[in-house]
C-alpha atoms as a PDB file:
ATOM      1  CA  MET A   1      -4.681   2.805 -26.713  1.00  0.00           C
ATOM      2  CA  ALA A   2      -3.932   0.344 -24.077  1.00  0.00           C
ATOM      3  CA  ASP A   3      -5.750   0.384 -20.599  1.00  0.00           C
ATOM      4  CA  PRO A   4      -3.222   1.325 -17.967  1.00  0.00           C
ATOM      5  CA  ALA A   5      -1.384  -1.548 -15.877  1.00  0.00           C
ATOM      6  CA  PHE A   6      -0.854   0.879 -12.252  1.00  0.00           C
ATOM      7  CA  ILE A   7      -0.835   4.317 -11.071  1.00  0.00           C
ATOM      8  CA  HIS A   8       2.329   6.369 -10.544  1.00  0.00           C
ATOM      9  CA  SER A   9       2.745   8.276  -7.362  1.00  0.00           C
ATOM     10  CA  LYS A  10       3.295  12.060  -8.428  1.00  0.00           C
ATOM     11  CA  ILE A  11       4.808  12.699  -5.260  1.00  0.00           C
ATOM     12  CA  LEU A  12       7.403   9.580  -5.218  1.00  0.00           C
ATOM     13  CA  SER A  13       8.327  10.354  -8.835  1.00  0.00           C
ATOM     14  CA  ASN A  14       8.778  13.938  -8.894  1.00  0.00           C
ATOM     15  CA  HIS A  15      11.643  13.076  -6.055  1.00  0.00           C
ATOM     16  CA  GLY A  16      13.834  10.000  -7.980  1.00  0.00           C
ATOM     17  CA  PHE A  17      11.690   7.108  -6.652  1.00  0.00           C
ATOM     18  CA  ASN A  18       9.438   4.922  -8.718  1.00  0.00           C
ATOM     19  CA  GLY A  19       6.200   4.290  -6.794  1.00  0.00           C
ATOM     20  CA  ILE A  20       3.234   2.279  -8.220  1.00  0.00           C
ATOM     21  CA  PHE A  21      -0.185   1.100  -7.505  1.00  0.00           C
ATOM     22  CA  THR A  22      -1.855  -1.748  -9.761  1.00  0.00           C
ATOM     23  CA  LEU A  23      -4.758  -1.650 -11.285  1.00  0.00           C
ATOM     24  CA  ARG A  24      -6.682  -4.868 -12.383  1.00  0.00           C
ATOM     25  CA  HIS A  25      -5.802  -4.321 -16.158  1.00  0.00           C
ATOM     26  CA  GLY A  26      -3.053  -5.895 -17.890  1.00  0.00           C
ATOM     27  CA  GLY A  27      -2.743  -9.551 -17.054  1.00  0.00           C
ATOM     28  CA  ILE A  28      -3.544 -13.024 -18.359  1.00  0.00           C
ATOM     29  CA  SER A  29      -5.375 -13.848 -15.442  1.00  0.00           C
ATOM     30  CA  PRO A  30      -8.929 -15.501 -15.696  1.00  0.00           C
ATOM     31  CA  ALA A  31     -12.081 -14.443 -14.290  1.00  0.00           C
ATOM     32  CA  PRO A  32     -12.975 -14.088 -11.053  1.00  0.00           C
ATOM     33  CA  PHE A  33      -9.630 -13.137 -10.830  1.00  0.00           C
ATOM     34  CA  ASP A  34      -8.958 -11.309 -14.551  1.00  0.00           C
ATOM     35  CA  LYS A  35      -6.394  -9.292 -15.286  1.00  0.00           C
ATOM     36  CA  GLN A  36      -3.975  -8.448 -13.683  1.00  0.00           C
ATOM     37  CA  ASN A  37      -3.925 -10.799  -9.899  1.00  0.00           C
ATOM     38  CA  PHE A  38      -0.956 -10.882  -7.381  1.00  0.00           C
ATOM     39  CA  GLY A  39      -2.452 -12.754  -4.528  1.00  0.00           C
ATOM     40  CA  SER A  40      -1.217 -16.770  -4.664  1.00  0.00           C
ATOM     41  CA  GLY A  41      -3.685 -19.228  -2.711  1.00  0.00           C
ATOM     42  CA  LEU A  42      -6.767 -17.620  -3.732  1.00  0.00           C
ATOM     43  CA  GLY A  43      -7.472 -20.243  -7.191  1.00  0.00           C
ATOM     44  CA  ASP A  44      -5.402 -18.504 -10.051  1.00  0.00           C
ATOM     45  CA  SER A  45      -2.430 -20.107 -11.285  1.00  0.00           C
ATOM     46  CA  ASP A  46       1.177 -19.472 -10.086  1.00  0.00           C
ATOM     47  CA  ASN A  47       2.239 -19.518 -13.479  1.00  0.00           C
ATOM     48  CA  ASN A  48      -0.376 -16.638 -14.367  1.00  0.00           C
ATOM     49  CA  ILE A  49       0.423 -14.633 -11.244  1.00  0.00           C
ATOM     50  CA  GLU A  50       4.594 -15.219 -12.211  1.00  0.00           C
ATOM     51  CA  HIS A  51       3.553 -14.078 -15.723  1.00  0.00           C
ATOM     52  CA  ASN A  52       1.673 -10.467 -14.434  1.00  0.00           C
ATOM     53  CA  LEU A  53       4.850  -9.843 -12.290  1.00  0.00           C
ATOM     54  CA  HIS A  54       7.246  -9.952 -14.902  1.00  0.00           C
ATOM     55  CA  ARG A  55       4.951  -7.778 -17.438  1.00  0.00           C
ATOM     56  CA  LEU A  56       4.482  -5.403 -14.733  1.00  0.00           C
ATOM     57  CA  ILE A  57       8.488  -5.303 -13.851  1.00  0.00           C
ATOM     58  CA  ILE A  58       8.901  -4.486 -17.849  1.00  0.00           C
ATOM     59  CA  ALA A  59       6.156  -1.894 -18.059  1.00  0.00           C
ATOM     60  CA  ALA A  60       7.007  -0.191 -14.566  1.00  0.00           C
ATOM     61  CA  ALA A  61      10.461  -0.171 -15.506  1.00  0.00           C
ATOM     62  CA  LEU A  62      11.277  -1.584 -11.866  1.00  0.00           C
ATOM     63  CA  PRO A  63      14.806  -2.802 -10.995  1.00  0.00           C
ATOM     64  CA  SER A  64      13.686  -6.528  -9.695  1.00  0.00           C
ATOM     65  CA  ILE A  65      11.101  -8.761  -8.223  1.00  0.00           C
ATOM     66  CA  PRO A  66       9.886  -6.589  -5.575  1.00  0.00           C
ATOM     67  CA  HIS A  67      10.355  -8.420  -1.648  1.00  0.00           C
ATOM     68  CA  GLN A  68       7.129  -9.338  -0.582  1.00  0.00           C
ATOM     69  CA  ALA A  69       6.309 -10.898   2.578  1.00  0.00           C
ATOM     70  CA  ILE A  70       3.328 -12.955   4.820  1.00  0.00           C
ATOM     71  CA  GLN A  71       1.154 -10.073   5.919  1.00  0.00           C
ATOM     72  CA  VAL A  72      -0.885 -10.794   9.088  1.00  0.00           C
ATOM     73  CA  HIS A  73      -2.207  -6.813  10.044  1.00  0.00           C
ATOM     74  CA  GLN A  74       0.182  -6.144  12.399  1.00  0.00           C
ATOM     75  CA  THR A  75       3.308  -4.051  12.784  1.00  0.00           C
ATOM     76  CA  ASP A  76       6.322  -6.377  12.178  1.00  0.00           C
ATOM     77  CA  ARG A  77       9.271  -4.962   9.723  1.00  0.00           C
ATOM     78  CA  LEU A  78      11.310  -6.506   7.114  1.00  0.00           C
ATOM     79  CA  TRP A  79      14.470  -5.011   5.617  1.00  0.00           C
ATOM     80  CA  CYS A  80      14.822  -5.718   2.017  1.00  0.00           C
ATOM     81  CA  SER A  81      18.052  -5.182  -0.308  1.00  0.00           C
ATOM     82  CA  GLY A  82      18.940  -6.742  -3.929  1.00  0.00           C
ATOM     83  CA  GLN A  83      16.487  -8.856  -5.985  1.00  0.00           C
ATOM     84  CA  GLY A  84      13.061  -9.531  -4.485  1.00  0.00           C
ATOM     85  CA  HIS A  85      11.190 -12.662  -3.418  1.00  0.00           C
ATOM     86  CA  MET A  86       8.309 -13.840  -1.429  1.00  0.00           C
ATOM     87  CA  HIS A  87       9.912 -14.073   2.010  1.00  0.00           C
ATOM     88  CA  GLN A  88       8.058 -16.469   4.422  1.00  0.00           C
ATOM     89  CA  GLN A  89       8.152 -14.548   7.530  1.00  0.00           C
ATOM     90  CA  HIS A  90       4.902 -12.397   8.845  1.00  0.00           C
ATOM     91  CA  ALA A  91       5.845  -8.285   8.194  1.00  0.00           C
ATOM     92  CA  ASP A  92       3.260  -5.759   7.009  1.00  0.00           C
ATOM     93  CA  ILE A  93       6.618  -3.147   6.911  1.00  0.00           C
ATOM     94  CA  LEU A  94       9.074  -3.863   4.205  1.00  0.00           C
ATOM     95  CA  MET A  95      12.175  -1.364   4.305  1.00  0.00           C
ATOM     96  CA  SER A  96      15.105  -0.582   2.255  1.00  0.00           C
ATOM     97  CA  ASN A  97      17.977   1.791   1.992  1.00  0.00           C
ATOM     98  CA  GLN A  98      19.690  -0.405  -0.428  1.00  0.00           C
ATOM     99  CA  PRO A  99      20.143   0.923  -4.009  1.00  0.00           C
ATOM    100  CA  ASN A 100      17.807  -1.135  -7.177  1.00  0.00           C
ATOM    101  CA  THR A 101      15.551  -2.590  -4.451  1.00  0.00           C
ATOM    102  CA  ALA A 102      11.619  -2.832  -5.285  1.00  0.00           C
ATOM    103  CA  ILE A 103       9.324  -3.943  -2.161  1.00  0.00           C
ATOM    104  CA  ALA A 104       5.849  -4.079  -2.340  1.00  0.00           C
ATOM    105  CA  VAL A 105       2.311  -5.038  -0.116  1.00  0.00           C
ATOM    106  CA  ARG A 106      -0.914  -6.760  -1.451  1.00  0.00           C
ATOM    107  CA  VAL A 107      -3.972  -5.022  -1.030  1.00  0.00           C
ATOM    108  CA  ALA A 108      -7.325  -5.274  -2.001  1.00  0.00           C
ATOM    109  CA  ASP A 109      -9.343  -2.878  -0.180  1.00  0.00           C
ATOM    110  CA  CYS A 110      -6.682  -2.435   2.948  1.00  0.00           C
ATOM    111  CA  LEU A 111      -4.781   1.203   2.175  1.00  0.00           C
ATOM    112  CA  PRO A 112      -1.079   0.947   1.048  1.00  0.00           C
ATOM    113  CA  VAL A 113       1.182   3.618   1.703  1.00  0.00           C
ATOM    114  CA  LEU A 114       4.384   3.813   0.169  1.00  0.00           C
ATOM    115  CA  LEU A 115       7.143   6.171   2.238  1.00  0.00           C
ATOM    116  CA  ALA A 116      10.845   7.466   0.882  1.00  0.00           C
ATOM    117  CA  ASP A 117      13.277   9.506   2.083  1.00  0.00           C
ATOM    118  CA  PRO A 118      15.018  11.327  -0.573  1.00  0.00           C
ATOM    119  CA  LYS A 119      17.890  12.338   1.094  1.00  0.00           C
ATOM    120  CA  THR A 120      19.173   8.756   2.180  1.00  0.00           C
ATOM    121  CA  GLY A 121      17.299   6.736  -0.499  1.00  0.00           C
ATOM    122  CA  MET A 122      15.514   4.924   2.198  1.00  0.00           C
ATOM    123  CA  ILE A 123      12.019   3.706   1.640  1.00  0.00           C
ATOM    124  CA  ALA A 124       8.866   1.477   2.897  1.00  0.00           C
ATOM    125  CA  ALA A 125       5.730  -0.138   2.056  1.00  0.00           C
ATOM    126  CA  VAL A 126       3.140  -0.697   4.159  1.00  0.00           C
ATOM    127  CA  HIS A 127       0.189  -2.177   4.540  1.00  0.00           C
ATOM    128  CA  ALA A 128      -2.456  -0.715   6.376  1.00  0.00           C
ATOM    129  CA  GLY A 129      -5.759  -2.443   7.054  1.00  0.00           C
ATOM    130  CA  TRP A 130      -8.274  -0.948   9.894  1.00  0.00           C
ATOM    131  CA  ARG A 131      -6.205  -3.514  12.459  1.00  0.00           C
ATOM    132  CA  GLY A 132      -2.824  -1.783  11.319  1.00  0.00           C
ATOM    133  CA  THR A 133      -4.227   1.592  11.618  1.00  0.00           C
ATOM    134  CA  VAL A 134      -5.395   1.000  15.481  1.00  0.00           C
ATOM    135  CA  ALA A 135      -2.389  -0.196  15.814  1.00  0.00           C
ATOM    136  CA  GLY A 136      -0.656   2.744  14.044  1.00  0.00           C
ATOM    137  CA  ILE A 137       1.191   1.057  11.650  1.00  0.00           C
ATOM    138  CA  VAL A 138       2.382   4.123   9.261  1.00  0.00           C
ATOM    139  CA  LYS A 139       3.625   5.841  13.042  1.00  0.00           C
ATOM    140  CA  HIS A 140       5.834   2.351  12.892  1.00  0.00           C
ATOM    141  CA  ALA A 141       7.498   2.576   9.818  1.00  0.00           C
ATOM    142  CA  ILE A 142       8.087   5.910  10.076  1.00  0.00           C
ATOM    143  CA  GLN A 143       9.944   5.370  13.795  1.00  0.00           C
ATOM    144  CA  SER A 144      11.622   3.053  12.254  1.00  0.00           C
ATOM    145  CA  MET A 145      13.052   5.019   9.112  1.00  0.00           C
ATOM    146  CA  LEU A 146      14.228   7.612  11.540  1.00  0.00           C
ATOM    147  CA  GLU A 147      16.242   4.917  13.849  1.00  0.00           C
ATOM    148  CA  TYR A 148      18.082   4.218  10.745  1.00  0.00           C
ATOM    149  CA  GLY A 149      18.851   7.905   9.617  1.00  0.00           C
ATOM    150  CA  ALA A 150      15.896   9.414   7.701  1.00  0.00           C
ATOM    151  CA  LYS A 151      14.370  12.915   8.772  1.00  0.00           C
ATOM    152  CA  ARG A 152      10.974  14.035   9.519  1.00  0.00           C
ATOM    153  CA  LYS A 153      10.939  17.176   7.003  1.00  0.00           C
ATOM    154  CA  ASN A 154      12.524  14.963   4.127  1.00  0.00           C
ATOM    155  CA  LEU A 155      10.014  12.415   4.390  1.00  0.00           C
ATOM    156  CA  LEU A 156       7.348  11.531   1.873  1.00  0.00           C
ATOM    157  CA  ALA A 157       4.023   9.814   1.643  1.00  0.00           C
ATOM    158  CA  SER A 158       1.847   8.482  -1.258  1.00  0.00           C
ATOM    159  CA  LEU A 159      -1.223   7.020   0.401  1.00  0.00           C
ATOM    160  CA  GLY A 160      -2.648   4.731  -2.565  1.00  0.00           C
ATOM    161  CA  PRO A 161      -6.194   3.814  -3.700  1.00  0.00           C
ATOM    162  CA  CYS A 162      -8.433   1.878  -0.561  1.00  0.00           C
ATOM    163  CA  ILE A 163     -11.847   0.917   0.042  1.00  0.00           C
ATOM    164  CA  GLY A 164     -13.418   4.903   0.973  1.00  0.00           C
ATOM    165  CA  PRO A 165     -15.680   5.908   3.423  1.00  0.00           C
ATOM    166  CA  CYS A 166     -18.408   5.522   0.953  1.00  0.00           C
ATOM    167  CA  CYS A 167     -18.472   1.678   1.360  1.00  0.00           C
ATOM    168  CA  PHE A 168     -16.308   0.653   4.671  1.00  0.00           C
ATOM    169  CA  ALA A 169     -18.956   0.094   7.139  1.00  0.00           C
ATOM    170  CA  ILE A 170     -18.158  -0.898  10.371  1.00  0.00           C
ATOM    171  CA  ASP A 171     -19.293  -1.856  14.123  1.00  0.00           C
ATOM    172  CA  ASN A 172     -19.126   0.190  17.391  1.00  0.00           C
ATOM    173  CA  GLU A 173     -16.034  -1.511  18.190  1.00  0.00           C
ATOM    174  CA  THR A 174     -13.908  -0.732  15.449  1.00  0.00           C
ATOM    175  CA  ALA A 175     -15.367   3.191  15.568  1.00  0.00           C
ATOM    176  CA  THR A 176     -14.101   3.478  19.073  1.00  0.00           C
ATOM    177  CA  ALA A 177     -10.713   1.807  18.154  1.00  0.00           C
ATOM    178  CA  LEU A 178     -10.079   3.869  14.984  1.00  0.00           C
ATOM    179  CA  LYS A 179     -11.176   7.141  16.905  1.00  0.00           C
ATOM    180  CA  GLU A 180      -8.457   6.509  19.584  1.00  0.00           C
ATOM    181  CA  SER A 181      -5.745   6.039  16.944  1.00  0.00           C
ATOM    182  CA  THR A 182      -4.838   9.531  16.428  1.00  0.00           C
ATOM    183  CA  ALA A 183      -5.776  12.606  17.383  1.00  0.00           C
ATOM    184  CA  GLY A 184      -8.798  14.630  14.803  1.00  0.00           C
ATOM    185  CA  ALA A 185     -10.152  10.352  14.008  1.00  0.00           C
ATOM    186  CA  ALA A 186     -13.341  10.651  15.320  1.00  0.00           C
ATOM    187  CA  ASN A 187     -13.579  13.381  12.595  1.00  0.00           C
ATOM    188  CA  CYS A 188     -13.501  10.632  10.187  1.00  0.00           C
ATOM    189  CA  ILE A 189     -16.448   8.280  11.406  1.00  0.00           C
ATOM    190  CA  PHE A 190     -19.586   9.013   9.311  1.00  0.00           C
ATOM    191  CA  HIS A 191     -23.323   7.470  10.568  1.00  0.00           C
ATOM    192  CA  THR A 192     -25.476   7.642   7.654  1.00  0.00           C
ATOM    193  CA  PRO A 193     -27.089   5.823   9.504  1.00  0.00           C
ATOM    194  CA  GLU A 194     -24.805   2.943   9.549  1.00  0.00           C
ATOM    195  CA  ILE A 195     -20.666   3.841  10.738  1.00  0.00           C
ATOM    196  CA  HIS A 196     -18.496   4.761   8.056  1.00  0.00           C
ATOM    197  CA  ALA A 197     -14.737   5.186   8.256  1.00  0.00           C
ATOM    198  CA  ASP A 198     -12.059   7.194   6.286  1.00  0.00           C
ATOM    199  CA  LEU A 199      -8.883   4.888   6.127  1.00  0.00           C
ATOM    200  CA  GLN A 200      -7.296   7.348   3.836  1.00  0.00           C
ATOM    201  CA  GLU A 201      -7.627  10.324   6.255  1.00  0.00           C
ATOM    202  CA  ILE A 202      -6.877   8.589   9.615  1.00  0.00           C
ATOM    203  CA  ASN A 203      -3.338   7.251   8.634  1.00  0.00           C
ATOM    204  CA  ARG A 204      -2.972  10.460   6.813  1.00  0.00           C
ATOM    205  CA  LEU A 205      -3.948  12.176  10.294  1.00  0.00           C
ATOM    206  CA  GLN A 206      -1.544   9.812  12.041  1.00  0.00           C
ATOM    207  CA  LEU A 207       1.520  10.578   9.565  1.00  0.00           C
ATOM    208  CA  ILE A 208       0.767  14.526  10.596  1.00  0.00           C
ATOM    209  CA  GLU A 209       0.983  13.219  14.358  1.00  0.00           C
ATOM    210  CA  SER A 210       4.184  11.728  13.462  1.00  0.00           C
ATOM    211  CA  GLY A 211       5.963  14.971  11.840  1.00  0.00           C
ATOM    212  CA  ILE A 212       5.449  14.559   8.373  1.00  0.00           C
ATOM    213  CA  THR A 213       4.768  18.183   6.524  1.00  0.00           C
ATOM    214  CA  GLY A 214       1.214  18.029   4.843  1.00  0.00           C
ATOM    215  CA  VAL A 215       2.318  19.148   1.751  1.00  0.00           C
ATOM    216  CA  HIS A 216       4.514  15.847   1.316  1.00  0.00           C
ATOM    217  CA  ILE A 217       1.639  13.518   1.785  1.00  0.00           C
ATOM    218  CA  GLU A 218      -0.025  12.426  -1.367  1.00  0.00           C
ATOM    219  CA  THR A 219      -3.325  11.164  -1.162  1.00  0.00           C
ATOM    220  CA  ILE A 220      -5.067   8.550  -4.508  1.00  0.00           C
ATOM    221  CA  ARG A 221      -8.393   9.128  -3.961  1.00  0.00           C
ATOM    222  CA  ALA A 222     -10.324   5.828  -5.412  1.00  0.00           C
ATOM    223  CA  CYS A 223     -13.262   3.552  -3.933  1.00  0.00           C
ATOM    224  CA  THR A 224     -11.595  -0.181  -4.767  1.00  0.00           C
ATOM    225  CA  ALA A 225     -15.313  -1.601  -3.227  1.00  0.00           C
ATOM    226  CA  CYS A 226     -16.975   1.354  -5.579  1.00  0.00           C
ATOM    227  CA  ASP A 227     -14.945   0.508  -9.027  1.00  0.00           C
ATOM    228  CA  PRO A 228     -14.953  -2.986 -10.502  1.00  0.00           C
ATOM    229  CA  GLU A 229     -13.543  -1.904 -13.447  1.00  0.00           C
ATOM    230  CA  ARG A 230     -10.513  -0.846 -12.322  1.00  0.00           C
ATOM    231  CA  PHE A 231      -9.491  -2.442  -8.732  1.00  0.00           C
ATOM    232  CA  PHE A 232     -10.138  -5.847  -6.800  1.00  0.00           C
ATOM    233  CA  SER A 233     -12.419  -5.546  -3.456  1.00  0.00           C
ATOM    234  CA  PHE A 234     -12.269  -8.265  -0.918  1.00  0.00           C
ATOM    235  CA  ARG A 235     -15.601  -6.425   0.989  1.00  0.00           C
ATOM    236  CA  ARG A 236     -17.180  -6.450  -2.571  1.00  0.00           C
ATOM    237  CA  ASP A 237     -16.231  -9.520  -4.354  1.00  0.00           C
ATOM    238  CA  GLY A 238     -14.802 -12.026  -0.942  1.00  0.00           C
ATOM    239  CA  LYS A 239     -12.798 -15.319  -1.789  1.00  0.00           C
ATOM    240  CA  ASN A 240     -13.078 -14.014  -5.953  1.00  0.00           C
ATOM    241  CA  SER A 241     -11.500 -10.768  -5.525  1.00  0.00           C
ATOM    242  CA  GLY A 242      -7.788 -10.874  -6.557  1.00  0.00           C
ATOM    243  CA  ARG A 243      -4.787  -8.411  -4.967  1.00  0.00           C
ATOM    244  CA  HIS A 244      -3.068  -5.412  -5.937  1.00  0.00           C
ATOM    245  CA  LEU A 245       0.615  -4.600  -5.609  1.00  0.00           C
ATOM    246  CA  ALA A 246       2.012  -1.661  -4.166  1.00  0.00           C
ATOM    247  CA  ILE A 247       5.399  -1.273  -4.339  1.00  0.00           C
ATOM    248  CA  VAL A 248       7.963   1.828  -4.232  1.00  0.00           C
ATOM    249  CA  ALA A 249      12.096   1.181  -5.211  1.00  0.00           C
ATOM    250  CA  THR A 250      14.937   2.616  -4.546  1.00  0.00           C
ATOM    251  CA  PRO A 251      17.047   4.938  -7.138  1.00  0.00           C
ATOM    252  CA  PRO A 252      19.967   2.880  -8.726  1.00  0.00           C
ATOM    253  CA  SER A 253      22.370   5.023  -6.173  1.00  0.00           C
ATOM    254  CA  THR A 254      21.911   6.376  -2.777  1.00  0.00           C
END
């Protein structure tokens, strides 16, 4: 049996959405980006990345190429519809409320968060590194969804693989900023004796602070830095790290 190319979000699929987090397996990119790299400008060829993307679309039954944007660790949002492409504008939150639309963020240690409202068909893909987490990026995404008709009680969230607290060493300044990002975040900072942080848990707390019920939050626990067989990791491999995609697609009709 072939190695899987992605992890399905169970909570999203149970409510009619296609949400996935890609793995290293399944593509054609050569070392050091082997094999399913989606990051351009790193040294891998555009042809390899395009092949990987089209192969993924078929394997994951996506409606189209996903929309992507230039990620800058801020909280700008981009609304998308229809056939996707790479937008030449800054956005770490991609959103859609149109049918047959896929949106994606790229990650290699940062936390990907996929959001969906089953009642309206609205979706969001969020790139939540530590800077975005300090800025409360998931709270910004939820607020935008609410402004366009979503309801807190209906919202679903899937937190994908990212660098875990085992490997995410930070300095005092970053630790202080993360502690102040939401209630309870101080309990997600550990001294071992290095300072380490749990990005997934801090973002889960921000989701709860935003009114998302705990049973509507899925956390896929896997450390990207610990597992070179399945994951790219910038912290581990630096410039030799490829990029994953976290993708969510709206249903065929809303």
